[in-house]
Amino acid sequence: IDAQRRAKEILREAQETFKVITETIPQGIWRTNPDGSADYFSQRFGELVGYRVDELLQWGWSEIIHPEDKPRVLEEWQ
């Protein structure tokens, strides 16, 4: 039980560190799942592209791809 508790604490600390780093640097950061659906965007990313973070999650990010490039990008992603 102590090992599980410690592992959870280490994971929580790593998640907190990730968020602090990604929310304080001036670059936009995003992360996707293996299937291409996005599960994280930094606030800065949203500011850079002019969308709210909640609009970009899952496959919402595909809406910011130029229409001429979208079919190719999504096909390559898949």
PDB file of N, CA and C in Angstrom:
ATOM      1  N   ILE A   1       0.835  -1.197   0.000  1.00  0.00           N
ATOM      2  CA  ILE A   1       0.000   0.000   0.000  1.00  0.00           C
ATOM      3  C   ILE A   1       0.873   1.253   0.000  1.00  0.00           C
ATOM      4  N   ASP A   2       1.960   1.236   0.779  1.00  0.00           N
ATOM      5  CA  ASP A   2       2.858   2.390   0.784  1.00  0.00           C
ATOM      6  C   ASP A   2       3.461   2.632  -0.590  1.00  0.00           C
ATOM      7  N   ALA A   3       3.813   1.571  -1.309  1.00  0.00           N
ATOM      8  CA  ALA A   3       4.389   1.706  -2.646  1.00  0.00           C
ATOM      9  C   ALA A   3       3.369   2.311  -3.611  1.00  0.00           C
ATOM     10  N   GLN A   4       2.103   1.872  -3.504  1.00  0.00           N
ATOM     11  CA  GLN A   4       1.054   2.435  -4.351  1.00  0.00           C
ATOM     12  C   GLN A   4       0.842   3.910  -4.040  1.00  0.00           C
ATOM     13  N   ARG A   5       0.818   4.229  -2.778  1.00  0.00           N
ATOM     14  CA  ARG A   5       0.620   5.608  -2.361  1.00  0.00           C
ATOM     15  C   ARG A   5       1.763   6.488  -2.888  1.00  0.00           C
ATOM     16  N   ARG A   6       2.981   5.996  -2.766  1.00  0.00           N
ATOM     17  CA  ARG A   6       4.147   6.746  -3.251  1.00  0.00           C
ATOM     18  C   ARG A   6       4.104   6.905  -4.760  1.00  0.00           C
ATOM     19  N   ALA A   7       3.715   5.855  -5.477  1.00  0.00           N
ATOM     20  CA  ALA A   7       3.612   5.926  -6.937  1.00  0.00           C
ATOM     21  C   ALA A   7       2.576   6.964  -7.355  1.00  0.00           C
ATOM     22  N   LYS A   8       1.461   7.001  -6.674  1.00  0.00           N
ATOM     23  CA  LYS A   8       0.428   8.000  -6.970  1.00  0.00           C
ATOM     24  C   LYS A   8       0.943   9.410  -6.701  1.00  0.00           C
ATOM     25  N   GLU A   9       1.690   9.574  -5.643  1.00  0.00           N
ATOM     26  CA  GLU A   9       2.257  10.884  -5.304  1.00  0.00           C
ATOM     27  C   GLU A   9       3.269  11.327  -6.360  1.00  0.00           C
ATOM     28  N   ILE A  10       4.101  10.403  -6.812  1.00  0.00           N
ATOM     29  CA  ILE A  10       5.076  10.717  -7.862  1.00  0.00           C
ATOM     30  C   ILE A  10       4.365  11.114  -9.147  1.00  0.00           C
ATOM     31  N   LEU A  11       3.313  10.387  -9.507  1.00  0.00           N
ATOM     32  CA  LEU A  11       2.534  10.714 -10.701  1.00  0.00           C
ATOM     33  C   LEU A  11       1.890  12.092 -10.569  1.00  0.00           C
ATOM     34  N   ARG A  12       1.309  12.381  -9.425  1.00  0.00           N
ATOM     35  CA  ARG A  12       0.685  13.686  -9.202  1.00  0.00           C
ATOM     36  C   ARG A  12       1.709  14.811  -9.336  1.00  0.00           C
ATOM     37  N   GLU A  13       2.883  14.609  -8.763  1.00  0.00           N
ATOM     38  CA  GLU A  13       3.936  15.621  -8.848  1.00  0.00           C
ATOM     39  C   GLU A  13       4.391  15.824 -10.294  1.00  0.00           C
ATOM     40  N   ALA A  14       4.512  14.737 -11.038  1.00  0.00           N
ATOM     41  CA  ALA A  14       4.920  14.838 -12.443  1.00  0.00           C
ATOM     42  C   ALA A  14       3.870  15.586 -13.253  1.00  0.00           C
ATOM     43  N   GLN A  15       2.598  15.304 -13.001  1.00  0.00           N
ATOM     44  CA  GLN A  15       1.522  16.005 -13.705  1.00  0.00           C
ATOM     45  C   GLN A  15       1.532  17.485 -13.373  1.00  0.00           C
ATOM     46  N   GLU A  16       1.763  17.810 -12.130  1.00  0.00           N
ATOM     47  CA  GLU A  16       1.812  19.205 -11.700  1.00  0.00           C
ATOM     48  C   GLU A  16       2.989  19.927 -12.364  1.00  0.00           C
ATOM     49  N   THR A  17       4.134  19.270 -12.408  1.00  0.00           N
ATOM     50  CA  THR A  17       5.314  19.850 -13.053  1.00  0.00           C
ATOM     51  C   THR A  17       5.052  20.079 -14.537  1.00  0.00           C
ATOM     52  N   PHE A  18       4.454  19.098 -15.207  1.00  0.00           N
ATOM     53  CA  PHE A  18       4.107  19.234 -16.621  1.00  0.00           C
ATOM     54  C   PHE A  18       3.235  20.459 -16.842  1.00  0.00           C
ATOM     55  N   LYS A  19       2.211  20.598 -16.026  1.00  0.00           N
ATOM     56  CA  LYS A  19       1.287  21.719 -16.201  1.00  0.00           C
ATOM     57  C   LYS A  19       1.977  23.061 -15.944  1.00  0.00           C
ATOM     58  N   VAL A  20       2.785  23.147 -14.914  1.00  0.00           N
ATOM     59  CA  VAL A  20       3.497  24.395 -14.621  1.00  0.00           C
ATOM     60  C   VAL A  20       4.387  24.776 -15.800  1.00  0.00           C
ATOM     61  N   ILE A  21       5.133  23.809 -16.314  1.00  0.00           N
ATOM     62  CA  ILE A  21       6.036  24.095 -17.433  1.00  0.00           C
ATOM     63  C   ILE A  21       5.258  24.526 -18.670  1.00  0.00           C
ATOM     64  N   THR A  22       4.251  23.743 -19.043  1.00  0.00           N
ATOM     65  CA  THR A  22       3.532  24.028 -20.283  1.00  0.00           C
ATOM     66  C   THR A  22       2.677  25.284 -20.214  1.00  0.00           C
ATOM     67  N   GLU A  23       2.304  25.694 -19.028  1.00  0.00           N
ATOM     68  CA  GLU A  23       1.485  26.904 -18.914  1.00  0.00           C
ATOM     69  C   GLU A  23       2.319  28.170 -18.698  1.00  0.00           C
ATOM     70  N   THR A  24       3.635  28.039 -18.539  1.00  0.00           N
ATOM     71  CA  THR A  24       4.448  29.229 -18.305  1.00  0.00           C
ATOM     72  C   THR A  24       5.388  29.567 -19.455  1.00  0.00           C
ATOM     73  N   ILE A  25       5.654  28.625 -20.354  1.00  0.00           N
ATOM     74  CA  ILE A  25       6.524  28.955 -21.478  1.00  0.00           C
ATOM     75  C   ILE A  25       5.714  29.697 -22.545  1.00  0.00           C
ATOM     76  N   PRO A  26       6.374  30.506 -23.366  1.00  0.00           N
ATOM     77  CA  PRO A  26       5.631  31.300 -24.352  1.00  0.00           C
ATOM     78  C   PRO A  26       5.150  30.519 -25.573  1.00  0.00           C
ATOM     79  N   GLN A  27       5.599  29.284 -25.743  1.00  0.00           N
ATOM     80  CA  GLN A  27       5.175  28.482 -26.885  1.00  0.00           C
ATOM     81  C   GLN A  27       3.857  27.776 -26.582  1.00  0.00           C
ATOM     82  N   GLY A  28       3.146  27.444 -27.644  1.00  0.00           N
ATOM     83  CA  GLY A  28       1.927  26.662 -27.496  1.00  0.00           C
ATOM     84  C   GLY A  28       2.262  25.184 -27.455  1.00  0.00           C
ATOM     85  N   ILE A  29       1.669  24.466 -26.525  1.00  0.00           N
ATOM     86  CA  ILE A  29       1.931  23.040 -26.353  1.00  0.00           C
ATOM     87  C   ILE A  29       0.621  22.271 -26.484  1.00  0.00           C
ATOM     88  N   TRP A  30       0.694  21.118 -27.156  1.00  0.00           N
ATOM     89  CA  TRP A  30      -0.462  20.234 -27.204  1.00  0.00           C
ATOM     90  C   TRP A  30       0.000  18.801 -27.181  1.00  0.00           C
ATOM     91  N   ARG A  31      -0.922  17.929 -26.812  1.00  0.00           N
ATOM     92  CA  ARG A  31      -0.616  16.509 -26.689  1.00  0.00           C
ATOM     93  C   ARG A  31      -1.805  15.729 -27.249  1.00  0.00           C
ATOM     94  N   THR A  32      -1.500  14.639 -27.938  1.00  0.00           N
ATOM     95  CA  THR A  32      -2.568  13.806 -28.478  1.00  0.00           C
ATOM     96  C   THR A  32      -2.430  12.376 -27.993  1.00  0.00           C
ATOM     97  N   ASN A  33      -3.510  11.668 -28.115  1.00  0.00           N
ATOM     98  CA  ASN A  33      -3.542  10.234 -27.861  1.00  0.00           C
ATOM     99  C   ASN A  33      -3.043   9.524 -29.118  1.00  0.00           C
ATOM    100  N   PRO A  34      -2.734   8.241 -29.049  1.00  0.00           N
ATOM    101  CA  PRO A  34      -2.254   7.520 -30.237  1.00  0.00           C
ATOM    102  C   PRO A  34      -3.219   7.591 -31.431  1.00  0.00           C
ATOM    103  N   ASP A  35      -4.515   7.736 -31.181  1.00  0.00           N
ATOM    104  CA  ASP A  35      -5.472   7.805 -32.290  1.00  0.00           C
ATOM    105  C   ASP A  35      -5.569   9.199 -32.905  1.00  0.00           C
ATOM    106  N   GLY A  36      -4.837  10.167 -32.373  1.00  0.00           N
ATOM    107  CA  GLY A  36      -4.837  11.520 -32.920  1.00  0.00           C
ATOM    108  C   GLY A  36      -5.775  12.483 -32.225  1.00  0.00           C
ATOM    109  N   SER A  37      -6.622  11.981 -31.358  1.00  0.00           N
ATOM    110  CA  SER A  37      -7.504  12.885 -30.616  1.00  0.00           C
ATOM    111  C   SER A  37      -6.664  13.604 -29.551  1.00  0.00           C
ATOM    112  N   ALA A  38      -6.884  14.886 -29.420  1.00  0.00           N
ATOM    113  CA  ALA A  38      -6.080  15.688 -28.498  1.00  0.00           C
ATOM    114  C   ALA A  38      -6.662  15.644 -27.092  1.00  0.00           C
ATOM    115  N   ASP A  39      -5.773  15.553 -26.104  1.00  0.00           N
ATOM    116  CA  ASP A  39      -6.241  15.550 -24.718  1.00  0.00           C
ATOM    117  C   ASP A  39      -5.667  16.708 -23.902  1.00  0.00           C
ATOM    118  N   TYR A  40      -4.818  17.533 -24.520  1.00  0.00           N
ATOM    119  CA  TYR A  40      -4.268  18.677 -23.783  1.00  0.00           C
ATOM    120  C   TYR A  40      -3.816  19.764 -24.742  1.00  0.00           C
ATOM    121  N   PHE A  41      -4.157  20.988 -24.412  1.00  0.00           N
ATOM    122  CA  PHE A  41      -3.643  22.185 -25.075  1.00  0.00           C
ATOM    123  C   PHE A  41      -3.330  23.196 -23.993  1.00  0.00           C
ATOM    124  N   SER A  42      -2.170  23.831 -24.110  1.00  0.00           N
ATOM    125  CA  SER A  42      -1.863  24.903 -23.162  1.00  0.00           C
ATOM    126  C   SER A  42      -2.727  26.115 -23.512  1.00  0.00           C
ATOM    127  N   GLN A  43      -2.942  26.971 -22.544  1.00  0.00           N
ATOM    128  CA  GLN A  43      -3.704  28.191 -22.791  1.00  0.00           C
ATOM    129  C   GLN A  43      -3.021  29.016 -23.876  1.00  0.00           C
ATOM    130  N   ARG A  44      -1.698  29.028 -23.863  1.00  0.00           N
ATOM    131  CA  ARG A  44      -0.943  29.797 -24.862  1.00  0.00           C
ATOM    132  C   ARG A  44      -1.237  29.294 -26.268  1.00  0.00           C
ATOM    133  N   PHE A  45      -1.369  27.974 -26.441  1.00  0.00           N
ATOM    134  CA  PHE A  45      -1.700  27.425 -27.755  1.00  0.00           C
ATOM    135  C   PHE A  45      -3.029  28.013 -28.236  1.00  0.00           C
ATOM    136  N   GLY A  46      -4.020  28.003 -27.363  1.00  0.00           N
ATOM    137  CA  GLY A  46      -5.316  28.565 -27.720  1.00  0.00           C
ATOM    138  C   GLY A  46      -5.217  30.032 -28.105  1.00  0.00           C
ATOM    139  N   GLU A  47      -4.425  30.789 -27.363  1.00  0.00           N
ATOM    140  CA  GLU A  47      -4.232  32.205 -27.684  1.00  0.00           C
ATOM    141  C   GLU A  47      -3.584  32.374 -29.057  1.00  0.00           C
ATOM    142  N   LEU A  48      -2.606  31.538 -29.361  1.00  0.00           N
ATOM    143  CA  LEU A  48      -1.899  31.642 -30.637  1.00  0.00           C
ATOM    144  C   LEU A  48      -2.795  31.359 -31.830  1.00  0.00           C
ATOM    145  N   VAL A  49      -3.709  30.409 -31.694  1.00  0.00           N
ATOM    146  CA  VAL A  49      -4.568  30.043 -32.825  1.00  0.00           C
ATOM    147  C   VAL A  49      -5.944  30.697 -32.766  1.00  0.00           C
ATOM    148  N   GLY A  50      -6.244  31.390 -31.677  1.00  0.00           N
ATOM    149  CA  GLY A  50      -7.512  32.105 -31.574  1.00  0.00           C
ATOM    150  C   GLY A  50      -8.713  31.238 -31.247  1.00  0.00           C
ATOM    151  N   TYR A  51      -8.483  30.129 -30.568  1.00  0.00           N
ATOM    152  CA  TYR A  51      -9.565  29.234 -30.155  1.00  0.00           C
ATOM    153  C   TYR A  51      -9.478  28.989 -28.657  1.00  0.00           C
ATOM    154  N   ARG A  52     -10.614  28.670 -28.048  1.00  0.00           N
ATOM    155  CA  ARG A  52     -10.600  28.238 -26.646  1.00  0.00           C
ATOM    156  C   ARG A  52     -10.076  26.804 -26.600  1.00  0.00           C
ATOM    157  N   VAL A  53      -9.398  26.478 -25.532  1.00  0.00           N
ATOM    158  CA  VAL A  53      -8.833  25.142 -25.369  1.00  0.00           C
ATOM    159  C   VAL A  53      -9.916  24.075 -25.492  1.00  0.00           C
ATOM    160  N   ASP A  54     -11.073  24.291 -24.913  1.00  0.00           N
ATOM    161  CA  ASP A  54     -12.130  23.269 -24.967  1.00  0.00           C
ATOM    162  C   ASP A  54     -12.632  23.037 -26.389  1.00  0.00           C
ATOM    163  N   GLU A  55     -12.465  24.025 -27.277  1.00  0.00           N
ATOM    164  CA  GLU A  55     -12.873  23.848 -28.668  1.00  0.00           C
ATOM    165  C   GLU A  55     -11.895  22.960 -29.441  1.00  0.00           C
ATOM    166  N   LEU A  56     -10.676  22.872 -28.967  1.00  0.00           N
ATOM    167  CA  LEU A  56      -9.636  22.134 -29.670  1.00  0.00           C
ATOM    168  C   LEU A  56      -9.527  20.676 -29.251  1.00  0.00           C
ATOM    169  N   LEU A  57     -10.027  20.342 -28.077  1.00  0.00           N
ATOM    170  CA  LEU A  57      -9.889  18.982 -27.556  1.00  0.00           C
ATOM    171  C   LEU A  57     -10.538  17.951 -28.464  1.00  0.00           C
ATOM    172  N   GLN A  58     -10.132  16.717 -28.297  1.00  0.00           N
ATOM    173  CA  GLN A  58     -10.531  15.581 -29.133  1.00  0.00           C
ATOM    174  C   GLN A  58     -10.086  15.871 -30.575  1.00  0.00           C
ATOM    175  N   TRP A  59     -11.013  15.993 -31.507  1.00  0.00           N
ATOM    176  CA  TRP A  59     -10.649  16.262 -32.899  1.00  0.00           C
ATOM    177  C   TRP A  59     -10.907  17.711 -33.288  1.00  0.00           C
ATOM    178  N   GLY A  60     -11.251  18.555 -32.313  1.00  0.00           N
ATOM    179  CA  GLY A  60     -11.490  19.969 -32.605  1.00  0.00           C
ATOM    180  C   GLY A  60     -10.282  20.653 -33.215  1.00  0.00           C
ATOM    181  N   TRP A  61      -9.086  20.157 -32.894  1.00  0.00           N
ATOM    182  CA  TRP A  61      -7.863  20.754 -33.440  1.00  0.00           C
ATOM    183  C   TRP A  61      -7.832  20.714 -34.958  1.00  0.00           C
ATOM    184  N   SER A  62      -8.529  19.760 -35.557  1.00  0.00           N
ATOM    185  CA  SER A  62      -8.491  19.641 -37.015  1.00  0.00           C
ATOM    186  C   SER A  62      -9.173  20.829 -37.703  1.00  0.00           C
ATOM    187  N   GLU A  63      -9.966  21.587 -36.961  1.00  0.00           N
ATOM    188  CA  GLU A  63     -10.645  22.745 -37.541  1.00  0.00           C
ATOM    189  C   GLU A  63      -9.696  23.902 -37.847  1.00  0.00           C
ATOM    190  N   ILE A  64      -8.504  23.880 -37.267  1.00  0.00           N
ATOM    191  CA  ILE A  64      -7.570  24.983 -37.513  1.00  0.00           C
ATOM    192  C   ILE A  64      -6.616  24.684 -38.679  1.00  0.00           C
ATOM    193  N   ILE A  65      -6.764  23.520 -39.291  1.00  0.00           N
ATOM    194  CA  ILE A  65      -5.945  23.173 -40.457  1.00  0.00           C
ATOM    195  C   ILE A  65      -6.543  23.863 -41.680  1.00  0.00           C
ATOM    196  N   HIS A  66      -5.687  24.402 -42.520  1.00  0.00           N
ATOM    197  CA  HIS A  66      -6.157  25.054 -43.746  1.00  0.00           C
ATOM    198  C   HIS A  66      -7.005  24.053 -44.538  1.00  0.00           C
ATOM    199  N   PRO A  67      -8.158  24.498 -45.062  1.00  0.00           N
ATOM    200  CA  PRO A  67      -9.073  23.587 -45.762  1.00  0.00           C
ATOM    201  C   PRO A  67      -8.414  22.777 -46.885  1.00  0.00           C
ATOM    202  N   GLU A  68      -7.467  23.376 -47.597  1.00  0.00           N
ATOM    203  CA  GLU A  68      -6.805  22.651 -48.681  1.00  0.00           C
ATOM    204  C   GLU A  68      -5.887  21.547 -48.151  1.00  0.00           C
ATOM    205  N   ASP A  69      -5.396  21.714 -46.946  1.00  0.00           N
ATOM    206  CA  ASP A  69      -4.473  20.744 -46.364  1.00  0.00           C
ATOM    207  C   ASP A  69      -5.163  19.694 -45.498  1.00  0.00           C
ATOM    208  N   LYS A  70      -6.376  19.994 -45.082  1.00  0.00           N
ATOM    209  CA  LYS A  70      -7.053  19.156 -44.093  1.00  0.00           C
ATOM    210  C   LYS A  70      -7.180  17.688 -44.497  1.00  0.00           C
ATOM    211  N   PRO A  71      -7.679  17.362 -45.703  1.00  0.00           N
ATOM    212  CA  PRO A  71      -7.816  15.935 -46.045  1.00  0.00           C
ATOM    213  C   PRO A  71      -6.489  15.174 -45.967  1.00  0.00           C
ATOM    214  N   ARG A  72      -5.428  15.776 -46.498  1.00  0.00           N
ATOM    215  CA  ARG A  72      -4.121  15.117 -46.492  1.00  0.00           C
ATOM    216  C   ARG A  72      -3.589  14.954 -45.075  1.00  0.00           C
ATOM    217  N   VAL A  73      -3.713  16.008 -44.263  1.00  0.00           N
ATOM    218  CA  VAL A  73      -3.210  15.948 -42.892  1.00  0.00           C
ATOM    219  C   VAL A  73      -3.943  14.872 -42.095  1.00  0.00           C
ATOM    220  N   LEU A  74      -5.257  14.844 -42.186  1.00  0.00           N
ATOM    221  CA  LEU A  74      -6.021  13.844 -41.442  1.00  0.00           C
ATOM    222  C   LEU A  74      -5.748  12.434 -41.924  1.00  0.00           C
ATOM    223  N   GLU A  75      -5.575  12.279 -43.239  1.00  0.00           N
ATOM    224  CA  GLU A  75      -5.244  10.953 -43.768  1.00  0.00           C
ATOM    225  C   GLU A  75      -3.875  10.503 -43.249  1.00  0.00           C
ATOM    226  N   GLU A  76      -2.904  11.384 -43.285  1.00  0.00           N
ATOM    227  CA  GLU A  76      -1.562  11.053 -42.804  1.00  0.00           C
ATOM    228  C   GLU A  76      -1.606  10.752 -41.313  1.00  0.00           C
ATOM    229  N   TRP A  77      -2.414  11.505 -40.576  1.00  0.00           N
ATOM    230  CA  TRP A  77      -2.500  11.302 -39.127  1.00  0.00           C
ATOM    231  C   TRP A  77      -3.030   9.912 -38.805  1.00  0.00           C
ATOM    232  N   GLN A  78      -4.050   9.505 -39.554  1.00  0.00           N
ATOM    233  CA  GLN A  78      -4.648   8.193 -39.331  1.00  0.00           C
ATOM    234  C   GLN A  78      -3.662   7.095 -39.680  1.00  0.00           C
TER     235      GLN A  78
END
